[in-house]
Amino acid sequence: MSVKSAITIKGTKEGLIFLLDDQCDFMSLLDELHAKLDKHEQQLTGPMVHVFVKLGSRNLDEEDKEKIRGAIRRQGNFLVQSIESDLEANVPALEPPSLQTMTGIVRSGQVVQHDGHLLFIGDVNPGGSILCTGDIYVMGALRGMAHAGCEGNDSSIIAASLMTPTQLRIAEVISRPPEEWASAEPWMEYAYLRNGTMEIDKLTHLHHYRKEAMLFKGV
């Protein structure tokens, strides 16, 4: 009686699709993958081939996915394009809030409201207000009131070239007295929440708070 293979390879015009059984033990699956690639080594050489790995209902962490990539990479002409499970395919992708750019001056009595992140190029005068559901970035002087994450997003930030606001709010947290925010430093600063308390730091340190922020490392 023959044993059903845990790996099925199908050819398409885009490349090869590796269908991996989602019921067998992962290490057994990996062993069979190595054996199958070794067995067909002579037939699977030549031009670059794109490989798409389908995991079925199996969900793997990055370490196990790298083991699969490593096994396939041993075929020098194989390039793994994706490793996907049905579980991941069924999770709807969340679109990040958009970044809107505005220019001008927010004068006393004026209120700017935006759904998402806002880059405001100009000054916010005392008595003027900016309210956003996401982040607020002011390329100018923030002398009025800014409320980021106004619908409850406590991971939002408020940044300004000159941070001298009458009041800052992030989600439901209101800033310390305005005089404590007065700053004559020549660098851009941002306010954020840490353990429910509003803090201020240089914007160049944003990557410490926002792990997804890209850090440029100059030579």
N, C-alpha and C. Protein backbone atom coordinates (compact mmCIF):
# COMPACT_ATOMS: atom_id res chain seq x y z
N MET A 1 0.85 -1.20 0.00
CA MET A 1 0.00 0.00 0.00
C MET A 1 0.88 1.24 0.00
N SER A 2 0.67 2.14 -0.97
CA SER A 2 1.52 3.32 -1.08
C SER A 2 1.11 4.37 -0.06
N VAL A 3 2.12 5.11 0.41
CA VAL A 3 1.88 6.19 1.37
C VAL A 3 1.69 7.49 0.60
N LYS A 4 0.64 8.20 0.93
CA LYS A 4 0.35 9.45 0.25
C LYS A 4 1.44 10.48 0.53
N SER A 5 1.91 11.13 -0.54
CA SER A 5 2.94 12.14 -0.38
C SER A 5 2.37 13.36 0.32
N ALA A 6 3.18 13.95 1.19
CA ALA A 6 2.76 15.15 1.91
C ALA A 6 3.02 16.41 1.11
N ILE A 7 3.68 16.27 -0.05
CA ILE A 7 4.05 17.44 -0.86
C ILE A 7 3.63 17.20 -2.30
N THR A 8 2.89 18.14 -2.85
CA THR A 8 2.50 18.09 -4.25
C THR A 8 3.05 19.34 -4.94
N ILE A 9 3.69 19.12 -6.08
CA ILE A 9 4.28 20.23 -6.82
C ILE A 9 3.53 20.39 -8.13
N LYS A 10 3.02 21.59 -8.37
CA LYS A 10 2.29 21.88 -9.60
C LYS A 10 2.98 23.01 -10.35
N GLY A 11 3.02 22.88 -11.67
CA GLY A 11 3.62 23.92 -12.49
C GLY A 11 2.57 24.87 -13.05
N THR A 12 2.86 26.16 -13.03
CA THR A 12 1.99 27.17 -13.63
C THR A 12 2.87 28.09 -14.48
N LYS A 13 2.24 29.01 -15.18
CA LYS A 13 3.01 29.94 -16.01
C LYS A 13 3.85 30.89 -15.15
N GLU A 14 3.44 31.06 -13.86
CA GLU A 14 4.21 31.92 -12.96
C GLU A 14 5.39 31.20 -12.33
N GLY A 15 5.35 29.88 -12.29
CA GLY A 15 6.42 29.10 -11.64
C GLY A 15 5.88 27.80 -11.09
N LEU A 16 6.34 27.42 -9.90
CA LEU A 16 5.92 26.18 -9.25
C LEU A 16 5.15 26.49 -7.98
N ILE A 17 4.09 25.72 -7.74
CA ILE A 17 3.33 25.81 -6.50
C ILE A 17 3.60 24.55 -5.69
N PHE A 18 4.11 24.72 -4.47
CA PHE A 18 4.34 23.60 -3.55
C PHE A 18 3.14 23.53 -2.60
N LEU A 19 2.35 22.49 -2.72
CA LEU A 19 1.21 22.28 -1.82
C LEU A 19 1.64 21.35 -0.71
N LEU A 20 1.70 21.86 0.53
CA LEU A 20 2.18 21.09 1.67
C LEU A 20 1.00 20.60 2.51
N ASP A 21 1.01 19.31 2.82
CA ASP A 21 -0.05 18.73 3.64
C ASP A 21 -0.10 19.41 5.00
N ASP A 22 -1.29 19.76 5.45
CA ASP A 22 -1.40 20.50 6.72
C ASP A 22 -1.74 19.61 7.91
N GLN A 23 -1.76 18.26 7.70
CA GLN A 23 -2.11 17.35 8.78
C GLN A 23 -0.91 16.61 9.37
N CYS A 24 0.13 16.43 8.58
CA CYS A 24 1.28 15.65 9.06
C CYS A 24 2.18 16.47 9.97
N ASP A 25 3.08 15.78 10.68
CA ASP A 25 4.05 16.43 11.56
C ASP A 25 4.97 17.33 10.74
N PHE A 26 5.28 18.52 11.29
CA PHE A 26 6.08 19.48 10.52
C PHE A 26 7.47 18.96 10.19
N MET A 27 8.13 18.29 11.14
CA MET A 27 9.48 17.80 10.88
C MET A 27 9.45 16.71 9.81
N SER A 28 8.42 15.87 9.81
CA SER A 28 8.28 14.85 8.76
C SER A 28 8.07 15.52 7.41
N LEU A 29 7.29 16.59 7.42
CA LEU A 29 7.06 17.35 6.19
C LEU A 29 8.36 17.94 5.67
N LEU A 30 9.16 18.48 6.58
CA LEU A 30 10.43 19.08 6.19
C LEU A 30 11.39 18.03 5.64
N ASP A 31 11.41 16.86 6.27
CA ASP A 31 12.27 15.76 5.78
C ASP A 31 11.88 15.35 4.37
N GLU A 32 10.57 15.25 4.12
CA GLU A 32 10.11 14.86 2.79
C GLU A 32 10.45 15.93 1.76
N LEU A 33 10.37 17.20 2.17
CA LEU A 33 10.72 18.28 1.26
C LEU A 33 12.18 18.19 0.84
N HIS A 34 13.06 17.95 1.82
CA HIS A 34 14.48 17.78 1.49
C HIS A 34 14.67 16.59 0.55
N ALA A 35 14.02 15.46 0.86
CA ALA A 35 14.19 14.24 0.06
C ALA A 35 13.69 14.44 -1.36
N LYS A 36 12.54 15.10 -1.51
CA LYS A 36 11.96 15.31 -2.83
C LYS A 36 12.84 16.20 -3.68
N LEU A 37 13.38 17.25 -3.08
CA LEU A 37 14.26 18.16 -3.82
C LEU A 37 15.56 17.48 -4.20
N ASP A 38 16.10 16.66 -3.28
CA ASP A 38 17.34 15.94 -3.58
C ASP A 38 17.13 14.93 -4.72
N LYS A 39 15.98 14.25 -4.70
CA LYS A 39 15.67 13.22 -5.69
C LYS A 39 15.58 13.79 -7.10
N HIS A 40 15.04 15.00 -7.18
CA HIS A 40 14.82 15.61 -8.49
C HIS A 40 15.83 16.70 -8.81
N GLU A 41 16.98 16.63 -8.15
CA GLU A 41 17.97 17.71 -8.29
C GLU A 41 18.38 17.93 -9.74
N GLN A 42 18.57 16.84 -10.50
CA GLN A 42 19.03 16.98 -11.87
C GLN A 42 17.96 17.60 -12.76
N GLN A 43 16.68 17.22 -12.49
CA GLN A 43 15.60 17.75 -13.32
C GLN A 43 15.26 19.19 -12.96
N LEU A 44 15.58 19.61 -11.74
CA LEU A 44 15.16 20.93 -11.28
C LEU A 44 16.30 21.94 -11.32
N THR A 45 17.11 21.88 -12.34
CA THR A 45 18.16 22.87 -12.53
C THR A 45 17.89 23.62 -13.82
N GLY A 46 18.48 24.80 -13.94
CA GLY A 46 18.26 25.60 -15.13
C GLY A 46 17.95 27.04 -14.79
N PRO A 47 17.06 27.67 -15.58
CA PRO A 47 16.72 29.09 -15.34
C PRO A 47 16.05 29.28 -13.98
N MET A 48 16.00 30.56 -13.56
CA MET A 48 15.37 30.89 -12.29
C MET A 48 13.89 30.50 -12.29
N VAL A 49 13.46 29.85 -11.21
CA VAL A 49 12.08 29.39 -11.08
C VAL A 49 11.47 30.03 -9.83
N HIS A 50 10.30 30.64 -9.98
CA HIS A 50 9.59 31.23 -8.85
C HIS A 50 8.76 30.15 -8.16
N VAL A 51 8.85 30.10 -6.83
CA VAL A 51 8.16 29.08 -6.05
C VAL A 51 7.15 29.74 -5.10
N PHE A 52 5.94 29.21 -5.10
CA PHE A 52 4.87 29.69 -4.22
C PHE A 52 4.47 28.54 -3.32
N VAL A 53 4.64 28.71 -2.00
CA VAL A 53 4.37 27.63 -1.05
C VAL A 53 3.01 27.84 -0.41
N LYS A 54 2.16 26.81 -0.47
CA LYS A 54 0.82 26.84 0.12
C LYS A 54 0.80 25.89 1.31
N LEU A 55 0.46 26.41 2.48
CA LEU A 55 0.50 25.62 3.72
C LEU A 55 -0.84 25.00 4.08
N GLY A 56 -1.89 25.27 3.32
CA GLY A 56 -3.21 24.79 3.73
C GLY A 56 -3.66 25.51 4.98
N SER A 57 -4.18 24.75 5.94
CA SER A 57 -4.64 25.36 7.19
C SER A 57 -3.54 25.42 8.25
N ARG A 58 -2.32 25.02 7.88
CA ARG A 58 -1.21 25.07 8.83
C ARG A 58 -0.75 26.52 9.00
N ASN A 59 -0.45 26.91 10.23
CA ASN A 59 0.04 28.26 10.51
C ASN A 59 1.43 28.14 11.11
N LEU A 60 2.44 28.70 10.45
CA LEU A 60 3.83 28.59 10.89
C LEU A 60 4.37 29.94 11.33
N ASP A 61 5.31 29.90 12.29
CA ASP A 61 6.00 31.14 12.66
C ASP A 61 7.14 31.38 11.68
N GLU A 62 7.80 32.52 11.81
CA GLU A 62 8.85 32.89 10.86
C GLU A 62 10.02 31.93 10.88
N GLU A 63 10.33 31.36 12.04
CA GLU A 63 11.46 30.43 12.13
C GLU A 63 11.21 29.18 11.28
N ASP A 64 9.99 28.62 11.36
CA ASP A 64 9.67 27.44 10.58
C ASP A 64 9.55 27.77 9.09
N LYS A 65 9.04 28.96 8.78
CA LYS A 65 8.99 29.37 7.38
C LYS A 65 10.39 29.47 6.79
N GLU A 66 11.33 29.94 7.60
CA GLU A 66 12.71 30.06 7.13
C GLU A 66 13.32 28.69 6.87
N LYS A 67 12.91 27.68 7.64
CA LYS A 67 13.39 26.31 7.39
C LYS A 67 12.91 25.82 6.03
N ILE A 68 11.68 26.17 5.66
CA ILE A 68 11.16 25.80 4.35
C ILE A 68 11.92 26.55 3.26
N ARG A 69 12.13 27.84 3.47
CA ARG A 69 12.89 28.62 2.48
C ARG A 69 14.29 28.05 2.30
N GLY A 70 14.94 27.68 3.42
CA GLY A 70 16.29 27.14 3.36
C GLY A 70 16.35 25.86 2.55
N ALA A 71 15.35 24.99 2.74
CA ALA A 71 15.33 23.73 2.00
C ALA A 71 15.18 23.98 0.51
N ILE A 72 14.31 24.92 0.15
CA ILE A 72 14.06 25.20 -1.27
C ILE A 72 15.22 25.97 -1.89
N ARG A 73 15.87 26.83 -1.10
CA ARG A 73 16.98 27.63 -1.63
C ARG A 73 18.17 26.77 -2.02
N ARG A 74 18.24 25.54 -1.48
CA ARG A 74 19.37 24.67 -1.84
C ARG A 74 19.38 24.38 -3.34
N GLN A 75 18.20 24.46 -3.96
CA GLN A 75 18.15 24.44 -5.42
C GLN A 75 18.49 25.86 -5.86
N GLY A 76 19.67 26.06 -6.37
CA GLY A 76 20.17 27.40 -6.63
C GLY A 76 19.30 28.25 -7.54
N ASN A 77 18.45 27.60 -8.36
CA ASN A 77 17.62 28.36 -9.30
C ASN A 77 16.19 28.55 -8.79
N PHE A 78 15.93 28.18 -7.53
CA PHE A 78 14.60 28.34 -6.95
C PHE A 78 14.53 29.61 -6.11
N LEU A 79 13.52 30.44 -6.36
CA LEU A 79 13.32 31.68 -5.61
C LEU A 79 11.93 31.65 -4.98
N VAL A 80 11.87 31.60 -3.64
CA VAL A 80 10.60 31.53 -2.94
C VAL A 80 9.94 32.91 -2.97
N GLN A 81 8.78 32.99 -3.58
CA GLN A 81 8.05 34.25 -3.68
C GLN A 81 7.11 34.47 -2.50
N SER A 82 6.51 33.39 -2.00
CA SER A 82 5.56 33.54 -0.89
C SER A 82 5.38 32.21 -0.17
N ILE A 83 5.05 32.30 1.11
CA ILE A 83 4.66 31.15 1.91
C ILE A 83 3.38 31.55 2.62
N GLU A 84 2.25 30.96 2.21
CA GLU A 84 0.96 31.41 2.70
C GLU A 84 0.12 30.26 3.22
N SER A 85 -0.63 30.54 4.26
CA SER A 85 -1.61 29.58 4.76
C SER A 85 -3.00 30.10 4.45
N ASP A 86 -3.99 29.21 4.45
CA ASP A 86 -5.37 29.62 4.22
C ASP A 86 -5.84 30.55 5.33
N LEU A 87 -5.30 30.36 6.55
CA LEU A 87 -5.70 31.19 7.68
C LEU A 87 -5.31 32.64 7.42
N GLU A 88 -4.09 32.84 6.89
CA GLU A 88 -3.62 34.20 6.61
C GLU A 88 -4.42 34.82 5.48
N ALA A 89 -4.79 33.98 4.50
CA ALA A 89 -5.52 34.50 3.34
C ALA A 89 -6.91 34.98 3.73
N ASN A 90 -7.48 34.39 4.80
CA ASN A 90 -8.83 34.76 5.21
C ASN A 90 -8.88 35.97 6.13
N VAL A 91 -7.71 36.44 6.56
CA VAL A 91 -7.67 37.62 7.44
C VAL A 91 -7.68 38.87 6.58
N PRO A 92 -8.68 39.72 6.71
CA PRO A 92 -8.74 40.91 5.86
C PRO A 92 -7.59 41.85 6.17
N ALA A 93 -7.02 42.42 5.12
CA ALA A 93 -5.91 43.37 5.30
C ALA A 93 -6.46 44.69 5.80
N LEU A 94 -5.80 45.24 6.81
CA LEU A 94 -6.23 46.52 7.36
C LEU A 94 -5.43 47.63 6.71
N GLU A 95 -6.12 48.59 6.12
CA GLU A 95 -5.44 49.71 5.49
C GLU A 95 -5.03 50.73 6.54
N PRO A 96 -3.76 51.16 6.53
CA PRO A 96 -3.35 52.17 7.50
C PRO A 96 -4.04 53.49 7.22
N PRO A 97 -4.25 54.30 8.26
CA PRO A 97 -4.88 55.60 8.04
C PRO A 97 -4.05 56.43 7.07
N SER A 98 -4.73 57.22 6.24
CA SER A 98 -4.04 58.02 5.24
C SER A 98 -3.40 59.25 5.90
N LEU A 99 -2.36 59.77 5.25
CA LEU A 99 -1.69 60.98 5.71
C LEU A 99 -2.11 62.13 4.81
N GLN A 100 -2.81 63.07 5.37
CA GLN A 100 -3.28 64.24 4.62
C GLN A 100 -2.33 65.41 4.87
N THR A 101 -2.02 66.15 3.82
CA THR A 101 -1.15 67.33 3.95
C THR A 101 -1.98 68.59 3.76
N MET A 102 -1.81 69.53 4.69
CA MET A 102 -2.48 70.83 4.60
C MET A 102 -1.46 71.93 4.85
N THR A 103 -1.71 73.10 4.28
CA THR A 103 -0.84 74.26 4.52
C THR A 103 -1.69 75.45 4.94
N GLY A 104 -1.04 76.38 5.62
CA GLY A 104 -1.75 77.59 6.01
C GLY A 104 -1.46 77.98 7.45
N ILE A 105 -2.39 78.70 8.04
CA ILE A 105 -2.30 79.13 9.44
C ILE A 105 -3.64 78.84 10.11
N VAL A 106 -3.58 78.21 11.27
CA VAL A 106 -4.80 78.01 12.06
C VAL A 106 -4.86 79.16 13.06
N ARG A 107 -5.79 80.06 12.85
CA ARG A 107 -5.90 81.25 13.68
C ARG A 107 -6.83 81.01 14.87
N SER A 108 -6.82 81.93 15.80
CA SER A 108 -7.65 81.83 16.99
C SER A 108 -9.12 81.65 16.61
N GLY A 109 -9.76 80.66 17.21
CA GLY A 109 -11.15 80.38 16.93
C GLY A 109 -11.38 79.38 15.81
N GLN A 110 -10.33 79.05 15.06
CA GLN A 110 -10.46 78.08 13.97
C GLN A 110 -10.17 76.67 14.47
N VAL A 111 -10.87 75.68 13.92
CA VAL A 111 -10.68 74.27 14.27
C VAL A 111 -10.50 73.46 12.99
N VAL A 112 -9.41 72.71 12.92
CA VAL A 112 -9.16 71.81 11.80
C VAL A 112 -9.41 70.38 12.28
N GLN A 113 -10.27 69.65 11.59
CA GLN A 113 -10.56 68.27 11.95
C GLN A 113 -10.22 67.35 10.79
N HIS A 114 -9.64 66.16 11.12
CA HIS A 114 -9.25 65.23 10.06
C HIS A 114 -9.35 63.80 10.56
N ASP A 115 -9.84 62.91 9.69
CA ASP A 115 -9.91 61.49 9.99
C ASP A 115 -8.67 60.82 9.40
N GLY A 116 -7.73 60.44 10.25
CA GLY A 116 -6.46 59.87 9.82
C GLY A 116 -5.30 60.68 10.36
N HIS A 117 -4.14 60.56 9.70
CA HIS A 117 -2.96 61.32 10.10
C HIS A 117 -2.93 62.65 9.33
N LEU A 118 -2.40 63.69 9.98
CA LEU A 118 -2.36 65.01 9.35
C LEU A 118 -0.96 65.60 9.43
N LEU A 119 -0.45 66.03 8.27
CA LEU A 119 0.79 66.82 8.20
C LEU A 119 0.37 68.25 7.89
N PHE A 120 0.52 69.13 8.88
CA PHE A 120 0.12 70.53 8.72
C PHE A 120 1.38 71.37 8.57
N ILE A 121 1.51 72.03 7.42
CA ILE A 121 2.68 72.87 7.13
C ILE A 121 2.27 74.32 7.38
N GLY A 122 2.67 74.83 8.52
CA GLY A 122 2.29 76.18 8.92
C GLY A 122 2.20 76.26 10.43
N ASP A 123 1.68 77.38 10.93
CA ASP A 123 1.60 77.61 12.37
C ASP A 123 0.17 77.40 12.88
N VAL A 124 0.09 76.97 14.13
CA VAL A 124 -1.19 76.89 14.84
C VAL A 124 -1.13 77.92 15.95
N ASN A 125 -1.87 79.02 15.79
CA ASN A 125 -1.81 80.12 16.75
C ASN A 125 -2.60 79.82 18.02
N PRO A 126 -2.32 80.56 19.11
CA PRO A 126 -3.12 80.39 20.33
C PRO A 126 -4.60 80.58 20.03
N GLY A 127 -5.44 79.69 20.56
CA GLY A 127 -6.87 79.74 20.29
C GLY A 127 -7.27 78.90 19.09
N GLY A 128 -6.29 78.45 18.30
CA GLY A 128 -6.56 77.56 17.17
C GLY A 128 -6.42 76.11 17.61
N SER A 129 -7.11 75.20 16.92
CA SER A 129 -7.13 73.80 17.33
C SER A 129 -7.03 72.87 16.12
N ILE A 130 -6.35 71.73 16.34
CA ILE A 130 -6.32 70.65 15.35
C ILE A 130 -6.77 69.37 16.05
N LEU A 131 -7.76 68.68 15.46
CA LEU A 131 -8.25 67.42 16.01
C LEU A 131 -8.12 66.35 14.94
N CYS A 132 -7.46 65.23 15.29
CA CYS A 132 -7.27 64.14 14.34
C CYS A 132 -7.52 62.80 15.03
N THR A 133 -8.01 61.82 14.25
CA THR A 133 -8.15 60.48 14.79
C THR A 133 -6.81 59.77 14.83
N GLY A 134 -5.82 60.26 14.06
CA GLY A 134 -4.48 59.67 14.03
C GLY A 134 -3.43 60.62 14.57
N ASP A 135 -2.25 60.62 13.93
CA ASP A 135 -1.14 61.48 14.36
C ASP A 135 -1.31 62.90 13.83
N ILE A 136 -0.63 63.84 14.51
CA ILE A 136 -0.57 65.23 14.06
C ILE A 136 0.90 65.63 13.96
N TYR A 137 1.30 66.10 12.77
CA TYR A 137 2.66 66.59 12.54
C TYR A 137 2.55 68.04 12.08
N VAL A 138 3.10 68.96 12.86
CA VAL A 138 3.04 70.38 12.53
C VAL A 138 4.43 70.83 12.11
N MET A 139 4.59 71.17 10.84
CA MET A 139 5.85 71.73 10.35
C MET A 139 5.78 73.24 10.51
N GLY A 140 5.92 73.65 11.76
CA GLY A 140 5.80 75.05 12.12
C GLY A 140 5.64 75.13 13.63
N ALA A 141 5.09 76.24 14.10
CA ALA A 141 4.92 76.45 15.54
C ALA A 141 3.54 75.98 15.98
N LEU A 142 3.52 75.13 16.98
CA LEU A 142 2.26 74.69 17.59
C LEU A 142 2.07 75.49 18.87
N ARG A 143 1.26 76.55 18.76
CA ARG A 143 1.00 77.42 19.91
C ARG A 143 -0.44 77.30 20.41
N GLY A 144 -1.25 76.54 19.69
CA GLY A 144 -2.65 76.35 20.08
C GLY A 144 -2.86 74.99 20.72
N MET A 145 -4.04 74.40 20.43
CA MET A 145 -4.38 73.09 21.01
C MET A 145 -4.35 72.02 19.92
N ALA A 146 -3.80 70.86 20.27
CA ALA A 146 -3.79 69.72 19.34
C ALA A 146 -4.31 68.49 20.07
N HIS A 147 -5.23 67.77 19.41
CA HIS A 147 -5.81 66.56 19.99
C HIS A 147 -5.65 65.43 18.98
N ALA A 148 -4.70 64.53 19.23
CA ALA A 148 -4.46 63.37 18.37
C ALA A 148 -5.18 62.15 18.94
N GLY A 149 -5.54 61.22 18.06
CA GLY A 149 -6.25 60.03 18.53
C GLY A 149 -7.56 60.40 19.20
N CYS A 150 -8.28 61.35 18.61
CA CYS A 150 -9.44 61.91 19.29
C CYS A 150 -10.61 60.94 19.42
N GLU A 151 -10.51 59.79 18.73
CA GLU A 151 -11.55 58.76 18.89
C GLU A 151 -11.07 57.61 19.77
N GLY A 152 -9.96 57.84 20.50
CA GLY A 152 -9.52 56.85 21.47
C GLY A 152 -8.23 56.13 21.16
N ASN A 153 -7.55 56.47 20.05
CA ASN A 153 -6.29 55.82 19.70
C ASN A 153 -5.15 56.38 20.55
N ASP A 154 -4.78 55.65 21.61
CA ASP A 154 -3.76 56.17 22.53
C ASP A 154 -2.33 55.94 22.04
N SER A 155 -2.16 55.37 20.85
CA SER A 155 -0.82 55.23 20.29
C SER A 155 -0.49 56.38 19.34
N SER A 156 -1.40 57.32 19.20
CA SER A 156 -1.17 58.48 18.33
C SER A 156 -0.12 59.41 18.96
N ILE A 157 0.49 60.23 18.12
CA ILE A 157 1.50 61.18 18.60
C ILE A 157 1.17 62.57 18.06
N ILE A 158 1.79 63.58 18.70
CA ILE A 158 1.71 64.96 18.24
C ILE A 158 3.14 65.48 18.12
N ALA A 159 3.51 65.91 16.91
CA ALA A 159 4.87 66.41 16.68
C ALA A 159 4.81 67.83 16.15
N ALA A 160 5.83 68.63 16.47
CA ALA A 160 5.87 70.01 15.99
C ALA A 160 7.31 70.49 15.92
N SER A 161 7.56 71.39 14.97
CA SER A 161 8.89 72.00 14.87
C SER A 161 9.17 72.87 16.09
N LEU A 162 8.13 73.58 16.54
CA LEU A 162 8.23 74.38 17.76
C LEU A 162 7.06 74.01 18.64
N MET A 163 7.36 73.37 19.78
CA MET A 163 6.31 72.82 20.64
C MET A 163 6.05 73.76 21.81
N THR A 164 5.11 74.69 21.62
CA THR A 164 4.69 75.59 22.71
C THR A 164 3.17 75.66 22.75
N PRO A 165 2.47 74.55 22.95
CA PRO A 165 1.01 74.52 22.86
C PRO A 165 0.33 75.08 24.11
N THR A 166 -0.93 75.50 23.93
CA THR A 166 -1.74 75.84 25.10
C THR A 166 -2.26 74.56 25.76
N GLN A 167 -2.44 73.51 24.93
CA GLN A 167 -2.86 72.22 25.48
C GLN A 167 -2.64 71.13 24.45
N LEU A 168 -2.24 69.95 24.95
CA LEU A 168 -2.13 68.76 24.11
C LEU A 168 -3.07 67.70 24.67
N ARG A 169 -3.67 66.94 23.75
CA ARG A 169 -4.49 65.80 24.15
C ARG A 169 -4.16 64.63 23.23
N ILE A 170 -4.02 63.46 23.83
CA ILE A 170 -3.88 62.22 23.08
C ILE A 170 -4.91 61.25 23.64
N ALA A 171 -5.84 60.83 22.78
CA ALA A 171 -6.98 60.01 23.22
C ALA A 171 -7.71 60.78 24.33
N GLU A 172 -7.77 60.21 25.56
CA GLU A 172 -8.48 60.87 26.65
C GLU A 172 -7.53 61.57 27.63
N VAL A 173 -6.24 61.54 27.34
CA VAL A 173 -5.24 62.10 28.25
C VAL A 173 -4.94 63.54 27.87
N ILE A 174 -5.00 64.43 28.86
CA ILE A 174 -4.72 65.84 28.66
C ILE A 174 -3.34 66.16 29.20
N SER A 175 -2.62 67.02 28.49
CA SER A 175 -1.23 67.31 28.84
C SER A 175 -1.10 68.00 30.19
N ARG A 176 0.16 68.05 30.61
CA ARG A 176 0.51 68.81 31.80
C ARG A 176 0.30 70.30 31.53
N PRO A 177 0.46 71.17 32.55
CA PRO A 177 0.28 72.61 32.33
C PRO A 177 1.10 73.11 31.15
N PRO A 178 0.56 74.04 30.34
CA PRO A 178 1.22 74.49 29.11
C PRO A 178 2.65 74.96 29.31
N GLU A 179 2.94 75.62 30.45
CA GLU A 179 4.30 76.15 30.63
C GLU A 179 5.35 75.06 30.67
N GLU A 180 4.94 73.84 31.03
CA GLU A 180 5.91 72.74 31.06
C GLU A 180 6.29 72.27 29.66
N TRP A 181 5.50 72.68 28.65
CA TRP A 181 5.81 72.26 27.29
C TRP A 181 6.64 73.30 26.55
N ALA A 182 6.80 74.48 27.12
CA ALA A 182 7.58 75.52 26.45
C ALA A 182 9.00 75.01 26.19
N SER A 183 9.44 75.11 24.95
CA SER A 183 10.75 74.57 24.58
C SER A 183 11.41 75.50 23.58
N ALA A 184 12.65 75.84 23.85
CA ALA A 184 13.42 76.68 22.92
C ALA A 184 14.45 75.84 22.17
N GLU A 185 14.34 74.51 22.28
CA GLU A 185 15.31 73.64 21.63
C GLU A 185 15.13 73.69 20.11
N PRO A 186 16.24 73.57 19.35
CA PRO A 186 16.18 73.72 17.89
C PRO A 186 15.76 72.46 17.15
N TRP A 187 15.28 71.43 17.85
CA TRP A 187 14.91 70.21 17.16
C TRP A 187 13.40 69.96 17.26
N MET A 188 12.92 69.18 16.32
CA MET A 188 11.49 68.84 16.30
C MET A 188 11.21 67.84 17.42
N GLU A 189 10.09 68.04 18.11
CA GLU A 189 9.74 67.18 19.24
C GLU A 189 8.38 66.54 19.01
N TYR A 190 8.12 65.48 19.77
CA TYR A 190 6.80 64.86 19.68
C TYR A 190 6.33 64.44 21.06
N ALA A 191 5.01 64.46 21.23
CA ALA A 191 4.39 64.04 22.48
C ALA A 191 3.73 62.68 22.26
N TYR A 192 3.80 61.83 23.28
CA TYR A 192 3.25 60.48 23.18
C TYR A 192 2.84 60.03 24.58
N LEU A 193 2.13 58.93 24.65
CA LEU A 193 1.70 58.40 25.94
C LEU A 193 2.58 57.23 26.35
N ARG A 194 3.01 57.28 27.61
CA ARG A 194 3.75 56.15 28.19
C ARG A 194 3.12 55.83 29.54
N ASN A 195 2.55 54.64 29.62
CA ASN A 195 1.85 54.20 30.84
C ASN A 195 0.77 55.20 31.25
N GLY A 196 0.07 55.73 30.25
CA GLY A 196 -1.04 56.64 30.52
C GLY A 196 -0.64 58.06 30.84
N THR A 197 0.65 58.38 30.75
CA THR A 197 1.14 59.73 31.03
C THR A 197 1.77 60.31 29.78
N MET A 198 1.51 61.57 29.50
CA MET A 198 2.06 62.20 28.32
C MET A 198 3.52 62.58 28.54
N GLU A 199 4.35 62.22 27.56
CA GLU A 199 5.78 62.52 27.61
C GLU A 199 6.16 63.25 26.33
N ILE A 200 7.36 63.85 26.35
CA ILE A 200 7.87 64.55 25.16
C ILE A 200 9.29 64.07 24.89
N ASP A 201 9.64 64.00 23.59
CA ASP A 201 10.98 63.54 23.22
C ASP A 201 11.33 64.13 21.86
N LYS A 202 12.61 64.01 21.47
CA LYS A 202 13.02 64.42 20.14
C LYS A 202 12.36 63.52 19.09
N LEU A 203 11.97 64.10 17.97
CA LEU A 203 11.35 63.30 16.92
C LEU A 203 12.33 62.29 16.34
N THR A 204 13.63 62.56 16.45
CA THR A 204 14.62 61.61 15.95
C THR A 204 14.64 60.33 16.77
N HIS A 205 13.98 60.34 17.94
CA HIS A 205 13.90 59.14 18.77
C HIS A 205 12.59 58.38 18.56
N LEU A 206 11.82 58.77 17.53
CA LEU A 206 10.51 58.16 17.31
C LEU A 206 10.59 56.65 17.14
N HIS A 207 11.70 56.16 16.54
CA HIS A 207 11.81 54.72 16.28
C HIS A 207 11.84 53.91 17.57
N HIS A 208 12.19 54.54 18.70
CA HIS A 208 12.14 53.82 19.98
C HIS A 208 10.69 53.54 20.39
N TYR A 209 9.78 54.44 20.00
CA TYR A 209 8.36 54.31 20.37
C TYR A 209 7.58 53.58 19.28
N ARG A 210 7.86 53.92 18.05
CA ARG A 210 7.20 53.30 16.91
C ARG A 210 8.14 52.29 16.29
N LYS A 211 7.96 51.03 16.61
CA LYS A 211 8.88 50.01 16.12
C LYS A 211 8.84 49.87 14.61
N GLU A 212 7.68 50.24 14.00
CA GLU A 212 7.57 50.10 12.55
C GLU A 212 8.22 51.27 11.81
N ALA A 213 8.65 52.33 12.56
CA ALA A 213 9.30 53.46 11.92
C ALA A 213 10.68 53.04 11.43
N MET A 214 11.01 53.42 10.20
CA MET A 214 12.28 53.01 9.63
C MET A 214 13.40 53.90 10.16
N LEU A 215 14.47 53.30 10.62
CA LEU A 215 15.62 54.04 11.14
C LEU A 215 16.71 54.09 10.07
N PHE A 216 17.09 55.32 9.68
CA PHE A 216 18.19 55.49 8.72
C PHE A 216 19.51 55.49 9.47
N LYS A 217 20.42 54.64 9.04
CA LYS A 217 21.75 54.56 9.65
C LYS A 217 22.78 55.06 8.63
N GLY A 218 23.25 56.28 8.82
CA GLY A 218 24.23 56.82 7.90
C GLY A 218 25.60 56.20 8.10
N VAL A 219 26.41 56.31 7.07
CA VAL A 219 27.76 55.75 7.15
C VAL A 219 28.66 56.74 7.87
